[in-house]
Amino acid sequence: MKIDNPGRFAMLRRTLLELPRGELQVGCSSGSLWLTLDHDPRDIVLEAGERISLDGARRVLAYALEDAVLEVMPSRVPVEARGSVWLRPALQAA
């Protein structure tokens, strides 16, 4: 199954998910996950509490080695979102 948005995903053992493309932080908050990246010979295993940054250049599949919770979030906050948070207090004071 392909996911299109960041979020937290409960995965049953032996579940496979295709992650969205883009610069991502991928974490495992419980259980264990195996990540495979297209054209990358490494095997990446995340245990509970571990996280990795991905550059978004390759397709990524996440496989649950046991029941697990996958966390997917953008590596960067969009510039416009950072600016609006930073400017909000200044604009309210004016």
PDB file of N, CA and C in Angstrom:
ATOM      1  N   MET A   1       0.842  -1.167   0.000  1.00  0.00           N
ATOM      2  CA  MET A   1       0.000   0.000   0.000  1.00  0.00           C
ATOM      3  C   MET A   1       0.895   1.241   0.000  1.00  0.00           C
ATOM      4  N   LYS A   2       0.487   2.261  -0.721  1.00  0.00           N
ATOM      5  CA  LYS A   2       1.255   3.501  -0.810  1.00  0.00           C
ATOM      6  C   LYS A   2       0.607   4.552   0.078  1.00  0.00           C
ATOM      7  N   ILE A   3       1.433   5.242   0.861  1.00  0.00           N
ATOM      8  CA  ILE A   3       0.921   6.353   1.649  1.00  0.00           C
ATOM      9  C   ILE A   3       1.373   7.650   0.980  1.00  0.00           C
ATOM     10  N   ASP A   4       0.519   8.665   1.034  1.00  0.00           N
ATOM     11  CA  ASP A   4       0.804   9.914   0.328  1.00  0.00           C
ATOM     12  C   ASP A   4       1.124  11.084   1.247  1.00  0.00           C
ATOM     13  N   ASN A   5       0.856  10.924   2.537  1.00  0.00           N
ATOM     14  CA  ASN A   5       1.024  12.039   3.457  1.00  0.00           C
ATOM     15  C   ASN A   5       1.844  11.628   4.668  1.00  0.00           C
ATOM     16  N   PRO A   6       2.481  12.601   5.307  1.00  0.00           N
ATOM     17  CA  PRO A   6       3.171  12.309   6.562  1.00  0.00           C
ATOM     18  C   PRO A   6       2.162  11.897   7.630  1.00  0.00           C
ATOM     19  N   GLY A   7       2.638  11.234   8.663  1.00  0.00           N
ATOM     20  CA  GLY A   7       1.770  10.840   9.762  1.00  0.00           C
ATOM     21  C   GLY A   7       2.330   9.657  10.518  1.00  0.00           C
ATOM     22  N   ARG A   8       1.494   9.110  11.403  1.00  0.00           N
ATOM     23  CA  ARG A   8       1.824   7.904  12.173  1.00  0.00           C
ATOM     24  C   ARG A   8       0.957   6.773  11.638  1.00  0.00           C
ATOM     25  N   PHE A   9       1.573   5.626  11.419  1.00  0.00           N
ATOM     26  CA  PHE A   9       0.870   4.508  10.805  1.00  0.00           C
ATOM     27  C   PHE A   9       1.108   3.245  11.613  1.00  0.00           C
ATOM     28  N   ALA A  10       0.032   2.675  12.139  1.00  0.00           N
ATOM     29  CA  ALA A  10       0.132   1.392  12.829  1.00  0.00           C
ATOM     30  C   ALA A  10       0.254   0.311  11.761  1.00  0.00           C
ATOM     31  N   MET A  11       1.270  -0.523  11.900  1.00  0.00           N
ATOM     32  CA  MET A  11       1.517  -1.576  10.913  1.00  0.00           C
ATOM     33  C   MET A  11       1.508  -2.933  11.611  1.00  0.00           C
ATOM     34  N   LEU A  12       0.708  -3.833  11.100  1.00  0.00           N
ATOM     35  CA  LEU A  12       0.733  -5.203  11.596  1.00  0.00           C
ATOM     36  C   LEU A  12       1.961  -5.915  11.047  1.00  0.00           C
ATOM     37  N   ARG A  13       2.391  -6.936  11.744  1.00  0.00           N
ATOM     38  CA  ARG A  13       3.538  -7.736  11.298  1.00  0.00           C
ATOM     39  C   ARG A  13       3.349  -8.134   9.832  1.00  0.00           C
ATOM     40  N   ARG A  14       4.409  -8.030   9.061  1.00  0.00           N
ATOM     41  CA  ARG A  14       4.464  -8.373   7.636  1.00  0.00           C
ATOM     42  C   ARG A  14       3.706  -7.401   6.727  1.00  0.00           C
ATOM     43  N   THR A  15       3.376  -6.216   7.228  1.00  0.00           N
ATOM     44  CA  THR A  15       2.744  -5.191   6.399  1.00  0.00           C
ATOM     45  C   THR A  15       3.824  -4.438   5.635  1.00  0.00           C
ATOM     46  N   LEU A  16       3.524  -4.062   4.396  1.00  0.00           N
ATOM     47  CA  LEU A  16       4.463  -3.325   3.556  1.00  0.00           C
ATOM     48  C   LEU A  16       3.816  -2.012   3.125  1.00  0.00           C
ATOM     49  N   LEU A  17       4.534  -0.896   3.310  1.00  0.00           N
ATOM     50  CA  LEU A  17       4.051   0.414   2.884  1.00  0.00           C
ATOM     51  C   LEU A  17       5.103   1.096   2.025  1.00  0.00           C
ATOM     52  N   GLU A  18       4.646   1.768   0.972  1.00  0.00           N
ATOM     53  CA  GLU A  18       5.534   2.615   0.176  1.00  0.00           C
ATOM     54  C   GLU A  18       5.399   4.039   0.701  1.00  0.00           C
ATOM     55  N   LEU A  19       6.524   4.666   1.029  1.00  0.00           N
ATOM     56  CA  LEU A  19       6.510   5.992   1.627  1.00  0.00           C
ATOM     57  C   LEU A  19       6.430   7.074   0.556  1.00  0.00           C
ATOM     58  N   PRO A  20       5.919   8.261   0.931  1.00  0.00           N
ATOM     59  CA  PRO A  20       5.891   9.359  -0.031  1.00  0.00           C
ATOM     60  C   PRO A  20       7.307   9.811  -0.368  1.00  0.00           C
ATOM     61  N   ARG A  21       7.484  10.357  -1.557  1.00  0.00           N
ATOM     62  CA  ARG A  21       8.801  10.874  -1.942  1.00  0.00           C
ATOM     63  C   ARG A  21       9.009  12.231  -1.307  1.00  0.00           C
ATOM     64  N   GLY A  22      10.265  12.571  -1.121  1.00  0.00           N
ATOM     65  CA  GLY A  22      10.626  13.858  -0.541  1.00  0.00           C
ATOM     66  C   GLY A  22      11.577  13.654   0.617  1.00  0.00           C
ATOM     67  N   GLU A  23      12.139  14.755   1.089  1.00  0.00           N
ATOM     68  CA  GLU A  23      13.041  14.682   2.231  1.00  0.00           C
ATOM     69  C   GLU A  23      12.212  14.379   3.468  1.00  0.00           C
ATOM     70  N   LEU A  24      12.505  13.260   4.111  1.00  0.00           N
ATOM     71  CA  LEU A  24      11.687  12.778   5.217  1.00  0.00           C
ATOM     72  C   LEU A  24      12.513  12.424   6.440  1.00  0.00           C
ATOM     73  N   GLN A  25      11.861  12.511   7.591  1.00  0.00           N
ATOM     74  CA  GLN A  25      12.336  11.892   8.817  1.00  0.00           C
ATOM     75  C   GLN A  25      11.435  10.675   9.001  1.00  0.00           C
ATOM     76  N   VAL A  26      12.031   9.507   9.115  1.00  0.00           N
ATOM     77  CA  VAL A  26      11.268   8.274   9.283  1.00  0.00           C
ATOM     78  C   VAL A  26      11.673   7.671  10.617  1.00  0.00           C
ATOM     79  N   GLY A  27      10.674   7.351  11.432  1.00  0.00           N
ATOM     80  CA  GLY A  27      10.961   6.799  12.744  1.00  0.00           C
ATOM     81  C   GLY A  27      10.093   5.605  13.051  1.00  0.00           C
ATOM     82  N   CYS A  28      10.498   4.900  14.084  1.00  0.00           N
ATOM     83  CA  CYS A  28       9.760   3.740  14.577  1.00  0.00           C
ATOM     84  C   CYS A  28       9.490   4.001  16.054  1.00  0.00           C
ATOM     85  N   SER A  29       8.223   4.184  16.428  1.00  0.00           N
ATOM     86  CA  SER A  29       7.932   4.461  17.830  1.00  0.00           C
ATOM     87  C   SER A  29       7.632   3.201  18.624  1.00  0.00           C
ATOM     88  N   SER A  30       7.346   2.102  17.948  1.00  0.00           N
ATOM     89  CA  SER A  30       7.235   0.802  18.629  1.00  0.00           C
ATOM     90  C   SER A  30       7.451  -0.303  17.607  1.00  0.00           C
ATOM     91  N   GLY A  31       7.865  -1.462  18.089  1.00  0.00           N
ATOM     92  CA  GLY A  31       8.129  -2.588  17.200  1.00  0.00           C
ATOM     93  C   GLY A  31       9.444  -2.422  16.465  1.00  0.00           C
ATOM     94  N   SER A  32       9.519  -3.001  15.262  1.00  0.00           N
ATOM     95  CA  SER A  32      10.719  -2.853  14.431  1.00  0.00           C
ATOM     96  C   SER A  32      10.322  -2.861  12.961  1.00  0.00           C
ATOM     97  N   LEU A  33      11.050  -2.051  12.195  1.00  0.00           N
ATOM     98  CA  LEU A  33      10.769  -1.858  10.777  1.00  0.00           C
ATOM     99  C   LEU A  33      12.023  -2.090   9.959  1.00  0.00           C
ATOM    100  N   TRP A  34      11.831  -2.632   8.782  1.00  0.00           N
ATOM    101  CA  TRP A  34      12.919  -2.787   7.822  1.00  0.00           C
ATOM    102  C   TRP A  34      12.619  -1.833   6.678  1.00  0.00           C
ATOM    103  N   LEU A  35      13.577  -0.953   6.357  1.00  0.00           N
ATOM    104  CA  LEU A  35      13.430  -0.022   5.245  1.00  0.00           C
ATOM    105  C   LEU A  35      14.335  -0.453   4.115  1.00  0.00           C
ATOM    106  N   THR A  36      13.813  -0.414   2.914  1.00  0.00           N
ATOM    107  CA  THR A  36      14.627  -0.683   1.736  1.00  0.00           C
ATOM    108  C   THR A  36      14.448   0.477   0.769  1.00  0.00           C
ATOM    109  N   LEU A  37      15.554   0.942   0.214  1.00  0.00           N
ATOM    110  CA  LEU A  37      15.564   2.061  -0.722  1.00  0.00           C
ATOM    111  C   LEU A  37      15.974   1.536  -2.087  1.00  0.00           C
ATOM    112  N   ASP A  38      15.257   1.962  -3.131  1.00  0.00           N
ATOM    113  CA  ASP A  38      15.616   1.543  -4.491  1.00  0.00           C
ATOM    114  C   ASP A  38      17.079   1.853  -4.782  1.00  0.00           C
ATOM    115  N   HIS A  39      17.755   0.898  -5.380  1.00  0.00           N
ATOM    116  CA  HIS A  39      19.149   1.038  -5.824  1.00  0.00           C
ATOM    117  C   HIS A  39      20.112   1.364  -4.681  1.00  0.00           C
ATOM    118  N   ASP A  40      19.808   0.893  -3.481  1.00  0.00           N
ATOM    119  CA  ASP A  40      20.691   1.090  -2.328  1.00  0.00           C
ATOM    120  C   ASP A  40      20.913  -0.285  -1.707  1.00  0.00           C
ATOM    121  N   PRO A  41      22.154  -0.749  -1.607  1.00  0.00           N
ATOM    122  CA  PRO A  41      22.410  -2.099  -1.115  1.00  0.00           C
ATOM    123  C   PRO A  41      22.231  -2.262   0.398  1.00  0.00           C
ATOM    124  N   ARG A  42      22.082  -1.157   1.122  1.00  0.00           N
ATOM    125  CA  ARG A  42      21.961  -1.259   2.584  1.00  0.00           C
ATOM    126  C   ARG A  42      20.606  -1.814   3.006  1.00  0.00           C
ATOM    127  N   ASP A  43      20.599  -2.502   4.116  1.00  0.00           N
ATOM    128  CA  ASP A  43      19.373  -2.853   4.823  1.00  0.00           C
ATOM    129  C   ASP A  43      19.314  -1.934   6.027  1.00  0.00           C
ATOM    130  N   ILE A  44      18.207  -1.248   6.210  1.00  0.00           N
ATOM    131  CA  ILE A  44      18.047  -0.341   7.343  1.00  0.00           C
ATOM    132  C   ILE A  44      16.963  -0.912   8.238  1.00  0.00           C
ATOM    133  N   VAL A  45      17.320  -1.216   9.469  1.00  0.00           N
ATOM    134  CA  VAL A  45      16.357  -1.709  10.448  1.00  0.00           C
ATOM    135  C   VAL A  45      16.229  -0.657  11.537  1.00  0.00           C
ATOM    136  N   LEU A  46      14.992  -0.234  11.788  1.00  0.00           N
ATOM    137  CA  LEU A  46      14.711   0.714  12.858  1.00  0.00           C
ATOM    138  C   LEU A  46      14.001  -0.010  13.986  1.00  0.00           C
ATOM    139  N   GLU A  47      14.519   0.140  15.176  1.00  0.00           N
ATOM    140  CA  GLU A  47      13.884  -0.385  16.384  1.00  0.00           C
ATOM    141  C   GLU A  47      13.130   0.764  17.052  1.00  0.00           C
ATOM    142  N   ALA A  48      12.298   0.446  18.032  1.00  0.00           N
ATOM    143  CA  ALA A  48      11.519   1.464  18.736  1.00  0.00           C
ATOM    144  C   ALA A  48      12.421   2.592  19.222  1.00  0.00           C
ATOM    145  N   GLY A  49      12.019   3.822  18.909  1.00  0.00           N
ATOM    146  CA  GLY A  49      12.766   5.000  19.332  1.00  0.00           C
ATOM    147  C   GLY A  49      13.819   5.471  18.353  1.00  0.00           C
ATOM    148  N   GLU A  50      14.067   4.725  17.283  1.00  0.00           N
ATOM    149  CA  GLU A  50      15.088   5.117  16.310  1.00  0.00           C
ATOM    150  C   GLU A  50      14.459   5.887  15.152  1.00  0.00           C
ATOM    151  N   ARG A  51      15.290   6.723  14.511  1.00  0.00           N
ATOM    152  CA  ARG A  51      14.830   7.592  13.427  1.00  0.00           C
ATOM    153  C   ARG A  51      15.955   7.746  12.414  1.00  0.00           C
ATOM    154  N   ILE A  52      15.579   8.005  11.166  1.00  0.00           N
ATOM    155  CA  ILE A  52      16.561   8.228  10.105  1.00  0.00           C
ATOM    156  C   ILE A  52      16.061   9.347   9.196  1.00  0.00           C
ATOM    157  N   SER A  53      16.992  10.106   8.637  1.00  0.00           N
ATOM    158  CA  SER A  53      16.669  11.132   7.639  1.00  0.00           C
ATOM    159  C   SER A  53      16.898  10.546   6.256  1.00  0.00           C
ATOM    160  N   LEU A  54      15.944  10.770   5.364  1.00  0.00           N
ATOM    161  CA  LEU A  54      16.052  10.282   3.990  1.00  0.00           C
ATOM    162  C   LEU A  54      16.012  11.465   3.040  1.00  0.00           C
ATOM    163  N   ASP A  55      16.795  11.386   1.965  1.00  0.00           N
ATOM    164  CA  ASP A  55      16.935  12.519   1.046  1.00  0.00           C
ATOM    165  C   ASP A  55      15.834  12.634   0.004  1.00  0.00           C
ATOM    166  N   GLY A  56      14.989  11.645  -0.132  1.00  0.00           N
ATOM    167  CA  GLY A  56      13.878  11.721  -1.069  1.00  0.00           C
ATOM    168  C   GLY A  56      14.205  11.383  -2.501  1.00  0.00           C
ATOM    169  N   ALA A  57      15.435  10.993  -2.768  1.00  0.00           N
ATOM    170  CA  ALA A  57      15.845  10.699  -4.139  1.00  0.00           C
ATOM    171  C   ALA A  57      15.410   9.310  -4.605  1.00  0.00           C
ATOM    172  N   ARG A  58      15.021   8.457  -3.684  1.00  0.00           N
ATOM    173  CA  ARG A  58      14.686   7.069  -4.031  1.00  0.00           C
ATOM    174  C   ARG A  58      13.329   6.670  -3.461  1.00  0.00           C
ATOM    175  N   ARG A  59      12.748   5.656  -4.080  1.00  0.00           N
ATOM    176  CA  ARG A  59      11.531   5.064  -3.528  1.00  0.00           C
ATOM    177  C   ARG A  59      11.914   4.309  -2.265  1.00  0.00           C
ATOM    178  N   VAL A  60      11.068   4.411  -1.227  1.00  0.00           N
ATOM    179  CA  VAL A  60      11.339   3.755   0.051  1.00  0.00           C
ATOM    180  C   VAL A  60      10.157   2.866   0.411  1.00  0.00           C
ATOM    181  N   LEU A  61      10.464   1.625   0.780  1.00  0.00           N
ATOM    182  CA  LEU A  61       9.457   0.692   1.272  1.00  0.00           C
ATOM    183  C   LEU A  61       9.748   0.400   2.734  1.00  0.00           C
ATOM    184  N   ALA A  62       8.692   0.370   3.543  1.00  0.00           N
ATOM    185  CA  ALA A  62       8.813   0.025   4.961  1.00  0.00           C
ATOM    186  C   ALA A  62       8.066  -1.281   5.191  1.00  0.00           C
ATOM    187  N   TYR A  63       8.736  -2.225   5.842  1.00  0.00           N
ATOM    188  CA  TYR A  63       8.173  -3.547   6.124  1.00  0.00           C
ATOM    189  C   TYR A  63       8.202  -3.753   7.635  1.00  0.00           C
ATOM    190  N   ALA A  64       7.076  -4.141   8.206  1.00  0.00           N
ATOM    191  CA  ALA A  64       6.997  -4.372   9.649  1.00  0.00           C
ATOM    192  C   ALA A  64       7.497  -5.776   9.974  1.00  0.00           C
ATOM    193  N   LEU A  65       8.613  -5.847  10.681  1.00  0.00           N
ATOM    194  CA  LEU A  65       9.150  -7.141  11.113  1.00  0.00           C
ATOM    195  C   LEU A  65       8.306  -7.728  12.236  1.00  0.00           C
ATOM    196  N   GLU A  66       7.598  -6.863  12.938  1.00  0.00           N
ATOM    197  CA  GLU A  66       6.628  -7.225  13.974  1.00  0.00           C
ATOM    198  C   GLU A  66       5.621  -6.083  14.003  1.00  0.00           C
ATOM    199  N   ASP A  67       4.557  -6.186  14.784  1.00  0.00           N
ATOM    200  CA  ASP A  67       3.632  -5.062  14.890  1.00  0.00           C
ATOM    201  C   ASP A  67       4.445  -3.821  15.251  1.00  0.00           C
ATOM    202  N   ALA A  68       4.196  -2.720  14.546  1.00  0.00           N
ATOM    203  CA  ALA A  68       5.033  -1.528  14.723  1.00  0.00           C
ATOM    204  C   ALA A  68       4.225  -0.269  14.433  1.00  0.00           C
ATOM    205  N   VAL A  69       4.791   0.856  14.859  1.00  0.00           N
ATOM    206  CA  VAL A  69       4.230   2.159  14.503  1.00  0.00           C
ATOM    207  C   VAL A  69       5.301   2.930  13.749  1.00  0.00           C
ATOM    208  N   LEU A  70       4.975   3.276  12.512  1.00  0.00           N
ATOM    209  CA  LEU A  70       5.850   4.029  11.618  1.00  0.00           C
ATOM    210  C   LEU A  70       5.487   5.504  11.720  1.00  0.00           C
ATOM    211  N   GLU A  71       6.499   6.356  11.849  1.00  0.00           N
ATOM    212  CA  GLU A  71       6.292   7.801  11.851  1.00  0.00           C
ATOM    213  C   GLU A  71       6.993   8.389  10.631  1.00  0.00           C
ATOM    214  N   VAL A  72       6.252   9.154   9.844  1.00  0.00           N
ATOM    215  CA  VAL A  72       6.799   9.782   8.639  1.00  0.00           C
ATOM    216  C   VAL A  72       6.499  11.270   8.721  1.00  0.00           C
ATOM    217  N   MET A  73       7.550  12.094   8.633  1.00  0.00           N
ATOM    218  CA  MET A  73       7.351  13.540   8.653  1.00  0.00           C
ATOM    219  C   MET A  73       8.358  14.217   7.743  1.00  0.00           C
ATOM    220  N   PRO A  74       8.011  15.395   7.232  1.00  0.00           N
ATOM    221  CA  PRO A  74       8.957  16.115   6.383  1.00  0.00           C
ATOM    222  C   PRO A  74      10.212  16.469   7.173  1.00  0.00           C
ATOM    223  N   SER A  75      11.363  16.446   6.505  1.00  0.00           N
ATOM    224  CA  SER A  75      12.610  16.827   7.168  1.00  0.00           C
ATOM    225  C   SER A  75      12.649  18.306   7.468  1.00  0.00           C
ATOM    226  N   ARG A  76      12.018  19.088   6.631  1.00  0.00           N
ATOM    227  CA  ARG A  76      12.050  20.540   6.792  1.00  0.00           C
ATOM    228  C   ARG A  76      10.641  21.086   6.892  1.00  0.00           C
ATOM    229  N   VAL A  77      10.505  22.131   7.674  1.00  0.00           N
ATOM    230  CA  VAL A  77       9.247  22.864   7.723  1.00  0.00           C
ATOM    231  C   VAL A  77       9.293  23.871   6.580  1.00  0.00           C
ATOM    232  N   PRO A  78       8.236  23.961   5.758  1.00  0.00           N
ATOM    233  CA  PRO A  78       8.260  24.913   4.648  1.00  0.00           C
ATOM    234  C   PRO A  78       8.573  26.330   5.129  1.00  0.00           C
ATOM    235  N   VAL A  79       9.290  27.082   4.321  1.00  0.00           N
ATOM    236  CA  VAL A  79       9.719  28.433   4.694  1.00  0.00           C
ATOM    237  C   VAL A  79       8.526  29.302   5.069  1.00  0.00           C
ATOM    238  N   GLU A  80       7.447  29.233   4.293  1.00  0.00           N
ATOM    239  CA  GLU A  80       6.291  30.075   4.588  1.00  0.00           C
ATOM    240  C   GLU A  80       5.680  29.739   5.943  1.00  0.00           C
ATOM    241  N   ALA A  81       5.718  28.472   6.353  1.00  0.00           N
ATOM    242  CA  ALA A  81       5.183  28.086   7.661  1.00  0.00           C
ATOM    243  C   ALA A  81       6.073  28.619   8.776  1.00  0.00           C
ATOM    244  N   ARG A  82       7.389  28.552   8.594  1.00  0.00           N
ATOM    245  CA  ARG A  82       8.306  29.075   9.610  1.00  0.00           C
ATOM    246  C   ARG A  82       8.109  30.572   9.755  1.00  0.00           C
ATOM    247  N   GLY A  83       8.004  31.279   8.642  1.00  0.00           N
ATOM    248  CA  GLY A  83       7.850  32.726   8.692  1.00  0.00           C
ATOM    249  C   GLY A  83       6.569  33.148   9.376  1.00  0.00           C
ATOM    250  N   SER A  84       5.482  32.460   9.084  1.00  0.00           N
ATOM    251  CA  SER A  84       4.213  32.849   9.678  1.00  0.00           C
ATOM    252  C   SER A  84       4.224  32.624  11.183  1.00  0.00           C
ATOM    253  N   VAL A  85       4.855  31.574  11.651  1.00  0.00           N
ATOM    254  CA  VAL A  85       4.949  31.323  13.089  1.00  0.00           C
ATOM    255  C   VAL A  85       5.812  32.396  13.735  1.00  0.00           C
ATOM    256  N   TRP A  86       6.912  32.749  13.087  1.00  0.00           N
ATOM    257  CA  TRP A  86       7.834  33.747  13.624  1.00  0.00           C
ATOM    258  C   TRP A  86       7.208  35.138  13.628  1.00  0.00           C
ATOM    259  N   LEU A  87       6.465  35.475  12.579  1.00  0.00           N
ATOM    260  CA  LEU A  87       5.892  36.808  12.461  1.00  0.00           C
ATOM    261  C   LEU A  87       4.622  37.002  13.276  1.00  0.00           C
ATOM    262  N   ARG A  88       3.930  35.931  13.599  1.00  0.00           N
ATOM    263  CA  ARG A  88       2.637  36.047  14.263  1.00  0.00           C
ATOM    264  C   ARG A  88       2.697  36.923  15.522  1.00  0.00           C
ATOM    265  N   PRO A  89       3.626  36.695  16.471  1.00  0.00           N
ATOM    266  CA  PRO A  89       3.655  37.551  17.661  1.00  0.00           C
ATOM    267  C   PRO A  89       3.920  39.018  17.312  1.00  0.00           C
ATOM    268  N   ALA A  90       4.783  39.279  16.332  1.00  0.00           N
ATOM    269  CA  ALA A  90       5.087  40.658  15.943  1.00  0.00           C
ATOM    270  C   ALA A  90       3.861  41.334  15.337  1.00  0.00           C
ATOM    271  N   LEU A  91       3.121  40.611  14.522  1.00  0.00           N
ATOM    272  CA  LEU A  91       1.935  41.183  13.892  1.00  0.00           C
ATOM    273  C   LEU A  91       0.833  41.433  14.911  1.00  0.00           C
ATOM    274  N   GLN A  92       0.707  40.565  15.905  1.00  0.00           N
ATOM    275  CA  GLN A  92      -0.318  40.738  16.926  1.00  0.00           C
ATOM    276  C   GLN A  92      -0.016  41.947  17.806  1.00  0.00           C
ATOM    277  N   ALA A  93       1.268  42.244  18.013  1.00  0.00           N
ATOM    278  CA  ALA A  93       1.658  43.373  18.860  1.00  0.00           C
ATOM    279  C   ALA A  93       1.445  44.711  18.152  1.00  0.00           C
ATOM    280  N   ALA A  94       1.398  44.694  16.829  1.00  0.00           N
ATOM    281  CA  ALA A  94       1.298  45.956  16.069  1.00  0.00           C
ATOM    282  C   ALA A  94      -0.091  46.542  16.086  1.00  0.00           C
TER     283      ALA A  94
END
